[in-house]
PDB file of N, CA and C in Angstrom:
ATOM      1  N   MET A   1       9.548  18.946  12.972  1.00  0.00           N
ATOM      2  CA  MET A   1       8.866  18.310  11.785  1.00  0.00           C
ATOM      3  C   MET A   1       8.164  17.040  12.302  1.00  0.00           C
ATOM      4  N   GLY A   2       6.828  17.038  12.177  1.00  0.00           N
ATOM      5  CA  GLY A   2       6.059  15.808  12.523  1.00  0.00           C
ATOM      6  C   GLY A   2       5.810  14.834  11.363  1.00  0.00           C
ATOM      7  N   LEU A   3       5.883  13.582  11.495  1.00  0.00           N
ATOM      8  CA  LEU A   3       5.643  12.619  10.485  1.00  0.00           C
ATOM      9  C   LEU A   3       4.908  11.371  11.082  1.00  0.00           C
ATOM     10  N   ARG A   4       3.719  11.083  10.573  1.00  0.00           N
ATOM     11  CA  ARG A   4       3.103   9.983  10.953  1.00  0.00           C
ATOM     12  C   ARG A   4       3.098   9.042   9.710  1.00  0.00           C
ATOM     13  N   LYS A   5       2.657   7.854   9.881  1.00  0.00           N
ATOM     14  CA  LYS A   5       2.712   6.764   8.931  1.00  0.00           C
ATOM     15  C   LYS A   5       2.577   7.283   7.525  1.00  0.00           C
ATOM     16  N   ALA A   6       3.324   6.649   6.533  1.00  0.00           N
ATOM     17  CA  ALA A   6       3.203   7.049   5.091  1.00  0.00           C
ATOM     18  C   ALA A   6       1.782   7.045   4.587  1.00  0.00           C
ATOM     19  N   GLY A   7       1.561   8.065   3.993  1.00  0.00           N
ATOM     20  CA  GLY A   7       0.113   8.341   3.420  1.00  0.00           C
ATOM     21  C   GLY A   7      -0.800   9.056   4.509  1.00  0.00           C
ATOM     22  N   ARG A   8      -0.177   9.322   5.655  1.00  0.00           N
ATOM     23  CA  ARG A   8      -0.932   9.994   6.713  1.00  0.00           C
ATOM     24  C   ARG A   8      -0.574  11.453   6.625  1.00  0.00           C
ATOM     25  N   VAL A   9      -0.057  12.043   7.676  1.00  0.00           N
ATOM     26  CA  VAL A   9       0.182  13.461   7.740  1.00  0.00           C
ATOM     27  C   VAL A   9       1.750  13.773   7.674  1.00  0.00           C
ATOM     28  N   LEU A  10       2.021  14.702   6.919  1.00  0.00           N
ATOM     29  CA  LEU A  10       3.459  15.174   6.815  1.00  0.00           C
ATOM     30  C   LEU A  10       3.600  16.632   6.952  1.00  0.00           C
ATOM     31  N   ALA A  11       4.227  16.982   8.118  1.00  0.00           N
ATOM     32  CA  ALA A  11       4.262  18.486   8.357  1.00  0.00           C
ATOM     33  C   ALA A  11       5.742  18.918   7.910  1.00  0.00           C
ATOM     34  N   VAL A  12       5.785  20.005   7.151  1.00  0.00           N
ATOM     35  CA  VAL A  12       7.022  20.435   6.734  1.00  0.00           C
ATOM     36  C   VAL A  12       7.592  21.662   7.288  1.00  0.00           C
ATOM     37  N   GLY A  13       6.743  22.466   7.834  1.00  0.00           N
ATOM     38  CA  GLY A  13       7.080  23.670   8.575  1.00  0.00           C
ATOM     39  C   GLY A  13       7.932  24.660   7.719  1.00  0.00           C
ATOM     40  N   ALA A  14       8.914  25.200   8.312  1.00  0.00           N
ATOM     41  CA  ALA A  14       9.742  26.321   7.659  1.00  0.00           C
ATOM     42  C   ALA A  14      10.245  25.858   6.326  1.00  0.00           C
ATOM     43  N   LEU A  15      10.457  24.569   6.009  1.00  0.00           N
ATOM     44  CA  LEU A  15      10.935  24.268   4.635  1.00  0.00           C
ATOM     45  C   LEU A  15      10.028  24.622   3.502  1.00  0.00           C
ATOM     46  N   ALA A  16       8.819  24.879   3.763  1.00  0.00           N
ATOM     47  CA  ALA A  16       7.953  25.099   2.702  1.00  0.00           C
ATOM     48  C   ALA A  16       7.817  26.731   2.433  1.00  0.00           C
ATOM     49  N   ALA A  17       7.914  26.983   1.143  1.00  0.00           N
ATOM     50  CA  ALA A  17       7.795  28.457   0.863  1.00  0.00           C
ATOM     51  C   ALA A  17       6.431  28.774   0.363  1.00  0.00           C
ATOM     52  N   VAL A  18       5.933  29.901   0.820  1.00  0.00           N
ATOM     53  CA  VAL A  18       4.608  30.419   0.430  1.00  0.00           C
ATOM     54  C   VAL A  18       4.712  31.626  -0.446  1.00  0.00           C
ATOM     55  N   PHE A  19       4.123  31.653  -1.612  1.00  0.00           N
ATOM     56  CA  PHE A  19       4.201  32.768  -2.583  1.00  0.00           C
ATOM     57  C   PHE A  19       2.848  33.338  -2.640  1.00  0.00           C
ATOM     58  N   VAL A  20       2.685  34.634  -2.761  1.00  0.00           N
ATOM     59  CA  VAL A  20       1.393  35.406  -2.992  1.00  0.00           C
ATOM     60  C   VAL A  20       1.474  35.870  -4.453  1.00  0.00           C
ATOM     61  N   ALA A  21       0.483  35.482  -5.208  1.00  0.00           N
ATOM     62  CA  ALA A  21       0.363  35.943  -6.675  1.00  0.00           C
ATOM     63  C   ALA A  21      -0.831  36.812  -6.825  1.00  0.00           C
ATOM     64  N   GLY A  22      -0.839  37.536  -7.911  1.00  0.00           N
ATOM     65  CA  GLY A  22      -1.922  38.424  -8.171  1.00  0.00           C
ATOM     66  C   GLY A  22      -3.313  37.753  -8.057  1.00  0.00           C
ATOM     67  N   CYS A  23      -3.449  36.473  -8.561  1.00  0.00           N
ATOM     68  CA  CYS A  23      -4.741  35.820  -8.619  1.00  0.00           C
ATOM     69  C   CYS A  23      -5.005  34.941  -7.441  1.00  0.00           C
ATOM     70  N   GLY A  24      -4.079  34.920  -6.507  1.00  0.00           N
ATOM     71  CA  GLY A  24      -4.387  34.196  -5.199  1.00  0.00           C
ATOM     72  C   GLY A  24      -2.985  33.627  -4.669  1.00  0.00           C
ATOM     73  N   GLN A  25      -3.150  32.829  -3.551  1.00  0.00           N
ATOM     74  CA  GLN A  25      -2.008  32.269  -2.934  1.00  0.00           C
ATOM     75  C   GLN A  25      -1.617  30.971  -3.590  1.00  0.00           C
ATOM     76  N   LYS A  26      -0.307  30.886  -3.758  1.00  0.00           N
ATOM     77  CA  LYS A  26       0.279  29.710  -4.326  1.00  0.00           C
ATOM     78  C   LYS A  26       1.325  29.157  -3.239  1.00  0.00           C
ATOM     79  N   THR A  27       1.280  27.797  -3.051  1.00  0.00           N
ATOM     80  CA  THR A  27       2.135  27.231  -2.120  1.00  0.00           C
ATOM     81  C   THR A  27       3.167  26.153  -2.804  1.00  0.00           C
ATOM     82  N   ASP A  28       4.371  26.367  -2.522  1.00  0.00           N
ATOM     83  CA  ASP A  28       5.375  25.416  -3.004  1.00  0.00           C
ATOM     84  C   ASP A  28       5.366  24.119  -2.205  1.00  0.00           C
ATOM     85  N   ILE A  29       4.986  23.071  -2.806  1.00  0.00           N
ATOM     86  CA  ILE A  29       4.843  21.784  -2.002  1.00  0.00           C
ATOM     87  C   ILE A  29       5.991  20.801  -2.337  1.00  0.00           C
ATOM     88  N   SER A  30       6.937  21.298  -3.179  1.00  0.00           N
ATOM     89  CA  SER A  30       7.972  20.348  -3.683  1.00  0.00           C
ATOM     90  C   SER A  30       8.774  19.710  -2.552  1.00  0.00           C
ATOM     91  N   LYS A  31       9.197  20.415  -1.608  1.00  0.00           N
ATOM     92  CA  LYS A  31       9.948  19.882  -0.386  1.00  0.00           C
ATOM     93  C   LYS A  31       9.080  18.883   0.385  1.00  0.00           C
ATOM     94  N   GLY A  32       7.835  19.269   0.539  1.00  0.00           N
ATOM     95  CA  GLY A  32       6.918  18.336   1.285  1.00  0.00           C
ATOM     96  C   GLY A  32       6.811  16.894   0.605  1.00  0.00           C
ATOM     97  N   ILE A  33       6.631  17.031  -0.717  1.00  0.00           N
ATOM     98  CA  ILE A  33       6.468  15.792  -1.548  1.00  0.00           C
ATOM     99  C   ILE A  33       7.791  15.018  -1.590  1.00  0.00           C
ATOM    100  N   GLU A  34       8.900  15.625  -1.551  1.00  0.00           N
ATOM    101  CA  GLU A  34      10.244  14.942  -1.501  1.00  0.00           C
ATOM    102  C   GLU A  34      10.302  14.224  -0.063  1.00  0.00           C
ATOM    103  N   ASP A  35       9.829  14.827   1.033  1.00  0.00           N
ATOM    104  CA  ASP A  35       9.839  14.178   2.277  1.00  0.00           C
ATOM    105  C   ASP A  35       8.866  13.088   2.360  1.00  0.00           C
ATOM    106  N   PHE A  36       7.668  13.245   1.789  1.00  0.00           N
ATOM    107  CA  PHE A  36       6.659  12.237   1.685  1.00  0.00           C
ATOM    108  C   PHE A  36       7.196  10.997   0.933  1.00  0.00           C
ATOM    109  N   ASN A  37       7.844  11.286  -0.176  1.00  0.00           N
ATOM    110  CA  ASN A  37       8.535  10.177  -0.981  1.00  0.00           C
ATOM    111  C   ASN A  37       9.436   9.371  -0.206  1.00  0.00           C
ATOM    112  N   ARG A  38      10.239   9.998   0.631  1.00  0.00           N
ATOM    113  CA  ARG A  38      11.199   9.195   1.416  1.00  0.00           C
ATOM    114  C   ARG A  38      10.493   8.213   2.244  1.00  0.00           C
ATOM    115  N   THR A  39       9.335   8.503   2.619  1.00  0.00           N
ATOM    116  CA  THR A  39       8.494   7.500   3.420  1.00  0.00           C
ATOM    117  C   THR A  39       7.893   6.384   2.621  1.00  0.00           C
ATOM    118  N   LEU A  40       7.719   6.745   1.350  1.00  0.00           N
ATOM    119  CA  LEU A  40       7.127   5.788   0.410  1.00  0.00           C
ATOM    120  C   LEU A  40       8.096   4.900  -0.333  1.00  0.00           C
ATOM    121  N   GLU A  41       9.367   5.450  -0.375  1.00  0.00           N
ATOM    122  CA  GLU A  41      10.456   4.648  -1.124  1.00  0.00           C
ATOM    123  C   GLU A  41      10.703   3.258  -0.637  1.00  0.00           C
ATOM    124  N   PRO A  42      10.734   2.874   0.576  1.00  0.00           N
ATOM    125  CA  PRO A  42      10.944   1.518   1.011  1.00  0.00           C
ATOM    126  C   PRO A  42       9.843   0.561   0.534  1.00  0.00           C
ATOM    127  N   ASN A  43       8.617   1.042   0.186  1.00  0.00           N
ATOM    128  CA  ASN A  43       7.550   0.297  -0.316  1.00  0.00           C
ATOM    129  C   ASN A  43       7.518   0.293  -1.821  1.00  0.00           C
ATOM    130  N   GLY A  44       8.613   0.833  -2.517  1.00  0.00           N
ATOM    131  CA  GLY A  44       8.542   0.808  -3.873  1.00  0.00           C
ATOM    132  C   GLY A  44       7.651   1.769  -4.594  1.00  0.00           C
ATOM    133  N   LEU A  45       7.313   2.848  -3.944  1.00  0.00           N
ATOM    134  CA  LEU A  45       6.375   3.932  -4.315  1.00  0.00           C
ATOM    135  C   LEU A  45       6.931   5.239  -4.512  1.00  0.00           C
ATOM    136  N   THR A  46       6.413   6.129  -5.300  1.00  0.00           N
ATOM    137  CA  THR A  46       6.666   7.493  -5.371  1.00  0.00           C
ATOM    138  C   THR A  46       5.535   8.295  -5.728  1.00  0.00           C
ATOM    139  N   LEU A  47       5.437   9.528  -5.326  1.00  0.00           N
ATOM    140  CA  LEU A  47       4.361  10.462  -5.738  1.00  0.00           C
ATOM    141  C   LEU A  47       4.949  11.461  -6.705  1.00  0.00           C
ATOM    142  N   GLU A  48       4.132  11.657  -7.818  1.00  0.00           N
ATOM    143  CA  GLU A  48       4.459  12.806  -8.851  1.00  0.00           C
ATOM    144  C   GLU A  48       3.324  13.863  -8.664  1.00  0.00           C
ATOM    145  N   CYS A  49       3.640  15.002  -8.178  1.00  0.00           N
ATOM    146  CA  CYS A  49       2.733  16.030  -7.918  1.00  0.00           C
ATOM    147  C   CYS A  49       3.248  17.424  -8.523  1.00  0.00           C
ATOM    148  N   PRO A  50       2.375  18.366  -8.783  1.00  0.00           N
ATOM    149  CA  PRO A  50       2.780  19.695  -9.216  1.00  0.00           C
ATOM    150  C   PRO A  50       3.681  20.289  -8.159  1.00  0.00           C
ATOM    151  N   LYS A  51       4.620  21.203  -8.597  1.00  0.00           N
ATOM    152  CA  LYS A  51       5.550  21.956  -7.751  1.00  0.00           C
ATOM    153  C   LYS A  51       4.695  22.781  -6.740  1.00  0.00           C
ATOM    154  N   GLU A  52       3.878  23.490  -7.328  1.00  0.00           N
ATOM    155  CA  GLU A  52       3.045  24.513  -6.598  1.00  0.00           C
ATOM    156  C   GLU A  52       1.545  24.130  -6.787  1.00  0.00           C
ATOM    157  N   VAL A  53       0.891  24.551  -5.715  1.00  0.00           N
ATOM    158  CA  VAL A  53      -0.618  24.495  -5.813  1.00  0.00           C
ATOM    159  C   VAL A  53      -1.351  25.885  -5.414  1.00  0.00           C
ATOM    160  N   LYS A  54      -2.455  26.133  -5.941  1.00  0.00           N
ATOM    161  CA  LYS A  54      -3.208  27.284  -5.797  1.00  0.00           C
ATOM    162  C   LYS A  54      -4.214  27.045  -4.726  1.00  0.00           C
ATOM    163  N   GLY A  55      -4.456  27.930  -3.857  1.00  0.00           N
ATOM    164  CA  GLY A  55      -5.502  27.735  -2.775  1.00  0.00           C
ATOM    165  C   GLY A  55      -5.344  28.550  -1.629  1.00  0.00           C
ATOM    166  N   GLY A  56      -6.337  28.459  -0.780  1.00  0.00           N
ATOM    167  CA  GLY A  56      -6.191  29.152   0.494  1.00  0.00           C
ATOM    168  C   GLY A  56      -5.564  28.303   1.572  1.00  0.00           C
ATOM    169  N   GLU A  57      -6.352  28.190   2.674  1.00  0.00           N
ATOM    170  CA  GLU A  57      -5.840  27.463   3.864  1.00  0.00           C
ATOM    171  C   GLU A  57      -5.841  25.915   3.515  1.00  0.00           C
ATOM    172  N   VAL A  58      -6.743  25.463   2.812  1.00  0.00           N
ATOM    173  CA  VAL A  58      -6.835  23.994   2.512  1.00  0.00           C
ATOM    174  C   VAL A  58      -7.108  23.803   1.052  1.00  0.00           C
ATOM    175  N   THR A  59      -6.352  23.093   0.326  1.00  0.00           N
ATOM    176  CA  THR A  59      -6.611  22.722  -1.127  1.00  0.00           C
ATOM    177  C   THR A  59      -6.388  21.359  -1.375  1.00  0.00           C
ATOM    178  N   VAL A  60      -7.011  20.801  -2.486  1.00  0.00           N
ATOM    179  CA  VAL A  60      -6.786  19.549  -2.965  1.00  0.00           C
ATOM    180  C   VAL A  60      -5.934  19.457  -4.220  1.00  0.00           C
ATOM    181  N   CYS A  61      -5.000  18.603  -4.241  1.00  0.00           N
ATOM    182  CA  CYS A  61      -4.029  18.515  -5.329  1.00  0.00           C
ATOM    183  C   CYS A  61      -4.120  17.119  -5.970  1.00  0.00           C
ATOM    184  N   ASP A  62      -4.144  17.100  -7.296  1.00  0.00           N
ATOM    185  CA  ASP A  62      -4.121  15.807  -7.963  1.00  0.00           C
ATOM    186  C   ASP A  62      -2.717  15.352  -8.239  1.00  0.00           C
ATOM    187  N   CYS A  63      -2.430  14.163  -7.855  1.00  0.00           N
ATOM    188  CA  CYS A  63      -1.083  13.571  -7.972  1.00  0.00           C
ATOM    189  C   CYS A  63      -1.257  12.178  -8.666  1.00  0.00           C
ATOM    190  N   SER A  64       0.001  11.614  -9.005  1.00  0.00           N
ATOM    191  CA  SER A  64      -0.035  10.205  -9.383  1.00  0.00           C
ATOM    192  C   SER A  64       0.927   9.336  -8.489  1.00  0.00           C
ATOM    193  N   LEU A  65       0.466   8.300  -8.027  1.00  0.00           N
ATOM    194  CA  LEU A  65       1.289   7.301  -7.196  1.00  0.00           C
ATOM    195  C   LEU A  65       1.825   6.331  -8.154  1.00  0.00           C
ATOM    196  N   LYS A  66       3.069   6.245  -8.122  1.00  0.00           N
ATOM    197  CA  LYS A  66       3.703   5.264  -9.113  1.00  0.00           C
ATOM    198  C   LYS A  66       4.572   4.220  -8.386  1.00  0.00           C
ATOM    199  N   GLY A  67       4.584   3.060  -9.005  1.00  0.00           N
ATOM    200  CA  GLY A  67       5.442   1.993  -8.528  1.00  0.00           C
ATOM    201  C   GLY A  67       6.871   2.115  -9.033  1.00  0.00           C
ATOM    202  N   THR A  68       7.862   2.126  -8.249  1.00  0.00           N
ATOM    203  CA  THR A  68       9.294   2.235  -8.681  1.00  0.00           C
ATOM    204  C   THR A  68       9.823   0.902  -9.163  1.00  0.00           C
ATOM    205  N   ARG A  69       9.138  -0.166  -8.787  1.00  0.00           N
ATOM    206  CA  ARG A  69       9.479  -1.510  -9.234  1.00  0.00           C
ATOM    207  C   ARG A  69       8.698  -2.100 -10.336  1.00  0.00           C
ATOM    208  N   ASN A  70       7.666  -1.428 -10.789  1.00  0.00           N
ATOM    209  CA  ASN A  70       6.844  -1.885 -11.870  1.00  0.00           C
ATOM    210  C   ASN A  70       6.324  -0.589 -12.646  1.00  0.00           C
ATOM    211  N   ASP A  71       5.512  -0.877 -13.504  1.00  0.00           N
ATOM    212  CA  ASP A  71       4.977   0.264 -14.396  1.00  0.00           C
ATOM    213  C   ASP A  71       3.625   0.623 -14.001  1.00  0.00           C
ATOM    214  N   LYS A  72       3.187   0.391 -12.789  1.00  0.00           N
ATOM    215  CA  LYS A  72       1.857   0.656 -12.412  1.00  0.00           C
ATOM    216  C   LYS A  72       1.702   2.031 -11.847  1.00  0.00           C
ATOM    217  N   SER A  73       0.588   2.706 -12.020  1.00  0.00           N
ATOM    218  CA  SER A  73       0.318   3.989 -11.410  1.00  0.00           C
ATOM    219  C   SER A  73      -1.153   4.224 -11.133  1.00  0.00           C
ATOM    220  N   ALA A  74      -1.497   5.168 -10.248  1.00  0.00           N
ATOM    221  CA  ALA A  74      -2.905   5.408 -10.009  1.00  0.00           C
ATOM    222  C   ALA A  74      -2.947   6.873  -9.515  1.00  0.00           C
ATOM    223  N   PRO A  75      -4.097   7.482  -9.969  1.00  0.00           N
ATOM    224  CA  PRO A  75      -4.259   8.913  -9.514  1.00  0.00           C
ATOM    225  C   PRO A  75      -4.630   8.957  -8.023  1.00  0.00           C
ATOM    226  N   VAL A  76      -4.125   9.905  -7.302  1.00  0.00           N
ATOM    227  CA  VAL A  76      -4.555  10.101  -5.849  1.00  0.00           C
ATOM    228  C   VAL A  76      -4.737  11.630  -5.768  1.00  0.00           C
ATOM    229  N   LYS A  77      -5.499  11.869  -4.742  1.00  0.00           N
ATOM    230  CA  LYS A  77      -5.565  13.290  -4.350  1.00  0.00           C
ATOM    231  C   LYS A  77      -5.110  13.578  -2.930  1.00  0.00           C
ATOM    232  N   LEU A  78      -4.255  14.603  -2.842  1.00  0.00           N
ATOM    233  CA  LEU A  78      -3.649  15.031  -1.653  1.00  0.00           C
ATOM    234  C   LEU A  78      -4.326  16.209  -1.137  1.00  0.00           C
ATOM    235  N   LYS A  79      -4.495  16.529   0.155  1.00  0.00           N
ATOM    236  CA  LYS A  79      -5.030  17.657   0.832  1.00  0.00           C
ATOM    237  C   LYS A  79      -3.809  18.427   1.331  1.00  0.00           C
ATOM    238  N   ILE A  80      -3.669  19.662   0.934  1.00  0.00           N
ATOM    239  CA  ILE A  80      -2.562  20.531   1.369  1.00  0.00           C
ATOM    240  C   ILE A  80      -3.135  21.535   2.265  1.00  0.00           C
ATOM    241  N   GLY A  81      -2.601  21.832   3.336  1.00  0.00           N
ATOM    242  CA  GLY A  81      -3.134  22.760   4.346  1.00  0.00           C
ATOM    243  C   GLY A  81      -1.927  23.332   5.301  1.00  0.00           C
ATOM    244  N   LYS A  82      -2.431  24.033   6.371  1.00  0.00           N
ATOM    245  CA  LYS A  82      -1.551  24.384   7.356  1.00  0.00           C
ATOM    246  C   LYS A  82      -2.110  24.072   8.654  1.00  0.00           C
ATOM    247  N   GLU A  83      -1.126  23.631   9.506  1.00  0.00           N
ATOM    248  CA  GLU A  83      -1.539  23.189  10.901  1.00  0.00           C
ATOM    249  C   GLU A  83      -0.485  23.877  11.837  1.00  0.00           C
ATOM    250  N   GLU A  84      -0.895  24.819  12.656  1.00  0.00           N
ATOM    251  CA  GLU A  84       0.069  25.457  13.581  1.00  0.00           C
ATOM    252  C   GLU A  84       1.216  26.098  12.793  1.00  0.00           C
ATOM    253  N   GLY A  85       0.792  26.726  11.610  1.00  0.00           N
ATOM    254  CA  GLY A  85       1.752  27.422  10.887  1.00  0.00           C
ATOM    255  C   GLY A  85       2.652  26.578  10.016  1.00  0.00           C
ATOM    256  N   GLU A  86       2.563  25.267   9.980  1.00  0.00           N
ATOM    257  CA  GLU A  86       3.348  24.317   9.257  1.00  0.00           C
ATOM    258  C   GLU A  86       2.571  23.769   8.031  1.00  0.00           C
ATOM    259  N   LEU A  87       3.111  23.513   6.934  1.00  0.00           N
ATOM    260  CA  LEU A  87       2.605  22.938   5.803  1.00  0.00           C
ATOM    261  C   LEU A  87       2.254  21.383   6.236  1.00  0.00           C
ATOM    262  N   VAL A  88       1.053  20.990   5.811  1.00  0.00           N
ATOM    263  CA  VAL A  88       0.584  19.553   6.116  1.00  0.00           C
ATOM    264  C   VAL A  88       0.121  18.984   4.864  1.00  0.00           C
ATOM    265  N   ILE A  89       0.628  17.825   4.536  1.00  0.00           N
ATOM    266  CA  ILE A  89       0.324  17.067   3.262  1.00  0.00           C
ATOM    267  C   ILE A  89      -0.417  15.766   3.785  1.00  0.00           C
ATOM    268  N   ASP A  90      -1.556  15.458   3.384  1.00  0.00           N
ATOM    269  CA  ASP A  90      -2.370  14.397   3.773  1.00  0.00           C
ATOM    270  C   ASP A  90      -3.217  13.852   2.659  1.00  0.00           C
ATOM    271  N   ALA A  91      -3.477  12.519   2.707  1.00  0.00           N
ATOM    272  CA  ALA A  91      -4.396  11.907   1.650  1.00  0.00           C
ATOM    273  C   ALA A  91      -5.770  12.698   1.784  1.00  0.00           C
ATOM    274  N   ALA A  92      -6.319  13.029   0.720  1.00  0.00           N
ATOM    275  CA  ALA A  92      -7.637  13.751   0.733  1.00  0.00           C
ATOM    276  C   ALA A  92      -8.627  12.698   1.181  1.00  0.00           C
ATOM    277  N   ASP A  93      -8.579  11.465   0.788  1.00  0.00           N
ATOM    278  CA  ASP A  93      -9.397  10.337   1.098  1.00  0.00           C
ATOM    279  C   ASP A  93      -8.492   9.104   1.482  1.00  0.00           C
ATOM    280  N   GLN A  94      -8.333   8.964   2.660  1.00  0.00           N
ATOM    281  CA  GLN A  94      -7.293   7.871   3.139  1.00  0.00           C
ATOM    282  C   GLN A  94      -7.585   6.574   2.555  1.00  0.00           C
ATOM    283  N   LYS A  95      -8.993   6.213   2.539  1.00  0.00           N
ATOM    284  CA  LYS A  95      -9.291   4.829   1.964  1.00  0.00           C
ATOM    285  C   LYS A  95      -8.916   4.747   0.381  1.00  0.00           C
ATOM    286  N   ALA A  96      -9.131   5.760  -0.317  1.00  0.00           N
ATOM    287  CA  ALA A  96      -8.867   5.744  -1.709  1.00  0.00           C
ATOM    288  C   ALA A  96      -7.335   5.664  -1.889  1.00  0.00           C
ATOM    289  N   PHE A  97      -6.583   6.403  -1.019  1.00  0.00           N
ATOM    290  CA  PHE A  97      -5.104   6.437  -1.110  1.00  0.00           C
ATOM    291  C   PHE A  97      -4.575   4.950  -0.808  1.00  0.00           C
ATOM    292  N   ASP A  98      -5.129   4.389   0.288  1.00  0.00           N
ATOM    293  CA  ASP A  98      -4.651   3.081   0.646  1.00  0.00           C
ATOM    294  C   ASP A  98      -4.959   2.047  -0.436  1.00  0.00           C
ATOM    295  N   THR A  99      -6.138   2.173  -1.083  1.00  0.00           N
ATOM    296  CA  THR A  99      -6.492   1.275  -2.140  1.00  0.00           C
ATOM    297  C   THR A  99      -5.504   1.488  -3.263  1.00  0.00           C
ATOM    298  N   ALA A 100      -5.194   2.730  -3.680  1.00  0.00           N
ATOM    299  CA  ALA A 100      -4.210   3.038  -4.817  1.00  0.00           C
ATOM    300  C   ALA A 100      -2.833   2.518  -4.434  1.00  0.00           C
ATOM    301  N   ARG A 101      -2.425   2.770  -3.190  1.00  0.00           N
ATOM    302  CA  ARG A 101      -1.198   2.167  -2.774  1.00  0.00           C
ATOM    303  C   ARG A 101      -1.081   0.718  -2.884  1.00  0.00           C
ATOM    304  N   GLN A 102      -2.080  -0.099  -2.480  1.00  0.00           N
ATOM    305  CA  GLN A 102      -2.007  -1.507  -2.562  1.00  0.00           C
ATOM    306  C   GLN A 102      -2.106  -1.990  -4.072  1.00  0.00           C
ATOM    307  N   GLU A 103      -2.772  -1.283  -4.966  1.00  0.00           N
ATOM    308  CA  GLU A 103      -2.895  -1.499  -6.435  1.00  0.00           C
ATOM    309  C   GLU A 103      -1.481  -1.342  -7.055  1.00  0.00           C
ATOM    310  N   VAL A 104      -0.937  -0.271  -6.736  1.00  0.00           N
ATOM    311  CA  VAL A 104       0.429   0.145  -7.370  1.00  0.00           C
ATOM    312  C   VAL A 104       1.595  -0.676  -6.830  1.00  0.00           C
ATOM    313  N   ALA A 105       1.551  -0.971  -5.561  1.00  0.00           N
ATOM    314  CA  ALA A 105       2.641  -1.719  -4.889  1.00  0.00           C
ATOM    315  C   ALA A 105       2.435  -3.257  -5.197  1.00  0.00           C
ATOM    316  N   GLY A 106       1.171  -3.642  -5.454  1.00  0.00           N
ATOM    317  CA  GLY A 106       0.892  -5.013  -5.588  1.00  0.00           C
ATOM    318  C   GLY A 106       0.860  -5.862  -4.385  1.00  0.00           C
ATOM    319  N   SER A 107       0.510  -5.111  -3.305  1.00  0.00           N
ATOM    320  CA  SER A 107       0.404  -5.767  -2.020  1.00  0.00           C
ATOM    321  C   SER A 107      -1.065  -5.636  -1.331  1.00  0.00           C
TER     322      SER A 107
END
């Protein structure tokens, strides 16, 4: 399992379940978001995202970045994909994610 700086890349690997539905592929990202949240927790932040996302190799997911120490929140987009067979969760736009993180955390 690889993990770089919070808000960067989080690889989940075998912990992610991939389901195939009649209308396309769905990926369960809940475990990946739980792992991502562990990296955000010390900064008083948490992500709220859907449990599953539809899409192929790479898809973008709408989430909310929320402050656990205040009532602030901001919308963020995450990019969900696969890298060497492992689930990868990353900010779709790193600059926008960092701005949202600063606004929500108040730093």
